[in-house]
Amino acid sequence: CKTQLMKRWPWIPSKKINSIPNPLSFEKPKLVTKKKQVLYLGRLEYVAKRLDRLIWVWKAVEPNFPDWKLMIVGGSRSNSPGDYQHREALRLKELVNKLGLKNVFFEGHKDSNSYYEESQVFCLTSSQEGFGSVLIEAMQHGMVPVAFDSFPAAKEIIDSKQNGVLVVPFQIDSYAQELQNLLKDDTLRTEMAKEAKKKSRDFGIDKVGEQW
């Protein structure tokens, strides 16, 4: 983030520039039994989010893991035909149907808590993010994040292969393989989830508050 700011304003000395991450806003998560769920939570928007990539990833994953579900949470509150998120939801559902996928569930605009608590892996396939608060929220809830290394803050949040996985943009096959590696290895997934929870503490309100 700081590097991007320096590129934008090169006439300002670097020592006068700093970037402060968004803090976590959730209280301490409940301890609940995790389901065999992979989660996306956020806006349904084409240009930045590119959820169609995740659908293609899931096409490679679903046949090998028929007991796992992909939960897509987000979208329009009104479901108005003129709403861009409603249009994107229809486009994504059409793609899911075209590919014959059975375990993709569009949940709509819902409270995020239960999905964070119950899911094990969080997937982000965005072209660009400002910071990616959903990643640290997922990590706080003991989820392993998988994301394309497509925005500067990704490396600030995820230490790849330690508390999550960063994939070279925008290699669908590589992303699918990394996701399958997580789903098939309970021990790996559990250990990375523990490390993810530890890393999320770096974004607690107490530590971010000190930076302010």
Protein backbone atom coordinates (compact mmCIF):
# COMPACT_ATOMS: atom_id res chain seq x y z
CA CYS A 1 0.00 0.00 0.00
CA LYS A 2 2.77 2.42 0.91
CA THR A 3 4.57 1.65 -2.36
CA GLN A 4 1.43 2.46 -4.32
CA LEU A 5 1.03 5.78 -2.52
CA MET A 6 4.65 6.68 -3.25
CA LYS A 7 4.10 5.97 -6.96
CA ARG A 8 1.02 8.17 -6.94
CA TRP A 9 2.72 11.08 -5.15
CA PRO A 10 6.46 10.76 -6.00
CA TRP A 11 7.20 14.35 -4.94
CA ILE A 12 6.41 13.57 -1.28
CA PRO A 13 9.35 12.13 0.77
CA SER A 14 8.76 8.46 1.60
CA LYS A 15 9.33 9.12 5.32
CA LYS A 16 6.20 11.27 5.30
CA ILE A 17 4.04 8.51 3.84
CA ASN A 18 2.53 5.66 5.80
CA SER A 19 -0.35 3.25 5.28
CA ILE A 20 -2.51 1.91 8.08
CA PRO A 21 -4.66 -1.19 7.51
CA ASN A 22 -8.33 -1.48 8.34
CA PRO A 23 -8.92 -3.01 11.78
CA LEU A 24 -11.05 -6.01 12.55
CA SER A 25 -14.53 -5.05 13.67
CA PHE A 26 -15.80 -8.44 14.86
CA GLU A 27 -15.84 -9.47 18.49
CA LYS A 28 -14.15 -12.75 19.45
CA PRO A 29 -15.70 -15.42 17.18
CA LYS A 30 -17.80 -18.23 18.56
CA LEU A 31 -16.36 -21.73 18.53
CA VAL A 32 -18.67 -23.77 16.31
CA THR A 33 -18.29 -27.00 14.35
CA LYS A 34 -16.93 -26.25 10.93
CA LYS A 35 -18.75 -27.58 7.89
CA LYS A 36 -17.28 -28.69 4.59
CA GLN A 37 -17.81 -25.24 3.14
CA VAL A 38 -15.76 -22.92 0.97
CA LEU A 39 -16.91 -19.31 1.21
CA TYR A 40 -16.96 -16.16 -0.85
CA LEU A 41 -18.47 -13.15 0.88
CA GLY A 42 -18.68 -9.69 -0.64
CA ARG A 43 -20.12 -7.69 -3.51
CA LEU A 44 -21.24 -9.41 -6.66
CA GLU A 45 -19.45 -7.21 -9.14
CA TYR A 46 -17.68 -8.14 -12.36
CA VAL A 47 -14.85 -5.67 -12.98
CA ALA A 48 -13.00 -5.97 -9.65
CA LYS A 49 -14.34 -9.14 -8.03
CA ARG A 50 -14.46 -11.53 -11.03
CA LEU A 51 -16.41 -14.30 -9.33
CA ASP A 52 -16.67 -16.09 -12.65
CA ARG A 53 -13.06 -17.15 -12.05
CA LEU A 54 -14.11 -18.85 -8.83
CA ILE A 55 -16.90 -20.68 -10.66
CA TRP A 56 -14.36 -22.04 -13.15
CA VAL A 57 -12.07 -23.03 -10.26
CA TRP A 58 -14.97 -24.88 -8.65
CA LYS A 59 -15.65 -26.72 -11.90
CA ALA A 60 -12.26 -28.41 -11.46
CA VAL A 61 -12.74 -28.97 -7.73
CA GLU A 62 -16.33 -30.20 -7.38
CA PRO A 63 -15.97 -33.62 -9.07
CA ASN A 64 -13.17 -34.56 -6.65
CA PHE A 65 -14.88 -33.19 -3.53
CA PRO A 66 -18.62 -33.84 -3.92
CA ASP A 67 -19.24 -33.45 -0.17
CA TRP A 68 -17.95 -29.85 -0.12
CA LYS A 69 -20.09 -26.78 -0.86
CA LEU A 70 -19.22 -23.40 -2.32
CA MET A 71 -21.25 -20.71 -0.57
CA ILE A 72 -21.55 -17.31 -2.27
CA VAL A 73 -22.84 -14.66 0.11
CA GLY A 74 -23.58 -11.16 -1.11
CA GLY A 75 -25.61 -9.28 -3.63
CA SER A 76 -28.42 -6.82 -3.88
CA ARG A 77 -30.75 -6.20 -0.96
CA SER A 78 -33.58 -5.21 -3.26
CA ASN A 79 -33.03 -7.66 -6.15
CA SER A 80 -34.12 -4.87 -8.46
CA PRO A 81 -33.56 -5.78 -12.14
CA GLY A 82 -31.68 -2.51 -12.53
CA ASP A 83 -29.23 -3.29 -9.72
CA TYR A 84 -25.76 -4.26 -10.97
CA GLN A 85 -25.35 -6.93 -8.27
CA HIS A 86 -28.66 -8.51 -9.23
CA ARG A 87 -27.56 -8.65 -12.87
CA GLU A 88 -24.22 -10.17 -11.89
CA ALA A 89 -25.94 -12.81 -9.73
CA LEU A 90 -28.06 -13.84 -12.72
CA ARG A 91 -24.98 -14.03 -14.94
CA LEU A 92 -23.11 -16.18 -12.41
CA LYS A 93 -26.08 -18.50 -11.87
CA GLU A 94 -26.34 -18.96 -15.63
CA LEU A 95 -22.66 -19.95 -15.72
CA VAL A 96 -23.14 -22.41 -12.85
CA ASN A 97 -26.06 -24.00 -14.69
CA LYS A 98 -24.13 -24.12 -17.95
CA LEU A 99 -21.26 -25.96 -16.25
CA GLY A 100 -23.63 -28.35 -14.49
CA LEU A 101 -22.38 -27.58 -11.00
CA LYS A 102 -24.49 -28.93 -8.14
CA ASN A 103 -22.79 -27.63 -5.00
CA VAL A 104 -22.72 -23.87 -5.58
CA PHE A 105 -25.19 -21.96 -3.42
CA PHE A 106 -26.09 -18.29 -3.85
CA GLU A 107 -27.21 -17.11 -0.42
CA GLY A 108 -27.95 -13.49 -1.25
CA HIS A 109 -27.41 -10.56 1.10
CA LYS A 110 -27.11 -12.15 4.56
CA ASP A 111 -25.47 -11.54 7.92
CA SER A 112 -21.88 -12.73 7.57
CA ASN A 113 -21.23 -14.11 11.07
CA SER A 114 -22.61 -17.63 10.70
CA TYR A 115 -20.94 -18.13 7.32
CA TYR A 116 -17.55 -17.08 8.67
CA GLU A 117 -18.02 -19.32 11.71
CA GLU A 118 -19.10 -22.43 9.80
CA SER A 119 -16.80 -22.32 6.74
CA GLN A 120 -13.23 -23.59 6.49
CA VAL A 121 -11.71 -21.93 3.41
CA PHE A 122 -12.23 -18.41 2.08
CA CYS A 123 -11.73 -17.75 -1.63
CA LEU A 124 -11.06 -14.43 -3.32
CA THR A 125 -10.50 -14.20 -7.08
CA SER A 126 -10.48 -10.43 -7.45
CA SER A 127 -8.57 -8.53 -10.10
CA GLN A 128 -8.03 -5.72 -7.60
CA GLU A 129 -8.73 -4.90 -3.97
CA GLY A 130 -7.98 -1.84 -1.88
CA PHE A 131 -7.16 -3.82 1.25
CA GLY A 132 -9.34 -6.92 1.41
CA SER A 133 -10.91 -6.74 4.87
CA VAL A 134 -12.85 -9.93 4.18
CA LEU A 135 -9.54 -11.82 4.24
CA ILE A 136 -8.60 -10.77 7.76
CA GLU A 137 -12.19 -11.31 8.94
CA ALA A 138 -12.09 -14.85 7.55
CA MET A 139 -8.71 -15.49 9.16
CA GLN A 140 -10.02 -14.24 12.51
CA HIS A 141 -12.73 -16.91 12.24
CA GLY A 142 -10.22 -19.70 11.63
CA MET A 143 -10.56 -19.89 7.87
CA VAL A 144 -7.71 -20.44 5.43
CA PRO A 145 -7.70 -17.69 2.76
CA VAL A 146 -6.85 -18.38 -0.86
CA ALA A 147 -6.44 -15.37 -3.15
CA PHE A 148 -4.73 -14.20 -6.29
CA ASP A 149 -1.64 -12.12 -5.58
CA SER A 150 -3.25 -9.33 -7.58
CA PHE A 151 -3.15 -6.35 -5.21
CA PRO A 152 -0.36 -4.95 -2.99
CA ALA A 153 -2.06 -5.62 0.35
CA ALA A 154 -2.38 -9.34 -0.39
CA LYS A 155 1.20 -9.97 0.77
CA GLU A 156 0.64 -7.81 3.86
CA ILE A 157 -2.27 -10.01 4.89
CA ILE A 158 -1.28 -13.50 3.74
CA ASP A 159 2.06 -15.22 4.27
CA SER A 160 1.65 -17.75 1.51
CA LYS A 161 1.76 -21.43 2.49
CA GLN A 162 1.90 -20.42 6.15
CA ASN A 163 -1.46 -18.84 6.99
CA GLY A 164 -3.07 -18.90 3.57
CA VAL A 165 -2.25 -19.27 -0.11
CA LEU A 166 -1.42 -16.66 -2.73
CA VAL A 167 -1.76 -17.75 -6.35
CA VAL A 168 -0.09 -16.16 -9.37
CA PRO A 169 -2.67 -13.99 -11.17
CA PHE A 170 -4.81 -15.28 -12.84
CA GLN A 171 -3.96 -18.93 -13.17
CA ILE A 172 -7.22 -20.82 -12.75
CA ASP A 173 -5.58 -24.27 -12.86
CA SER A 174 -3.04 -23.32 -10.18
CA TYR A 175 -5.76 -21.86 -7.99
CA ALA A 176 -7.86 -25.02 -8.34
CA GLN A 177 -4.88 -27.21 -7.44
CA GLU A 178 -4.05 -25.16 -4.35
CA LEU A 179 -7.67 -25.31 -3.21
CA GLN A 180 -7.78 -29.07 -3.71
CA ASN A 181 -4.55 -29.46 -1.73
CA LEU A 182 -6.28 -27.77 1.20
CA LEU A 183 -9.53 -29.70 0.95
CA LYS A 184 -7.87 -33.11 0.86
CA ASP A 185 -5.47 -32.53 3.79
CA ASP A 186 -7.24 -32.04 7.12
CA THR A 187 -3.97 -31.60 9.01
CA LEU A 188 -2.63 -28.96 6.63
CA ARG A 189 -5.93 -27.09 6.70
CA THR A 190 -6.10 -27.17 10.50
CA GLU A 191 -2.53 -25.94 10.96
CA MET A 192 -2.92 -23.13 8.44
CA ALA A 193 -6.20 -22.09 10.07
CA LYS A 194 -4.41 -21.78 13.41
CA GLU A 195 -1.73 -19.64 11.83
CA ALA A 196 -4.38 -17.54 10.10
CA LYS A 197 -6.03 -16.77 13.44
CA LYS A 198 -2.65 -15.74 14.86
CA LYS A 199 -1.95 -13.45 11.89
CA SER A 200 -5.37 -11.81 12.19
CA ARG A 201 -4.36 -10.44 15.59
CA ASP A 202 -1.99 -8.07 13.78
CA PHE A 203 -5.13 -6.30 12.57
CA GLY A 204 -6.89 -6.04 15.91
CA ILE A 205 -8.26 -2.64 16.90
CA ASP A 206 -5.64 -2.33 19.65
CA LYS A 207 -2.67 -2.71 17.28
CA VAL A 208 -4.14 -0.65 14.47
CA GLY A 209 -5.18 2.00 17.00
CA GLU A 210 -1.55 2.33 18.11
CA GLN A 211 -0.55 3.09 14.52
CA TRP A 212 -3.09 5.91 14.35
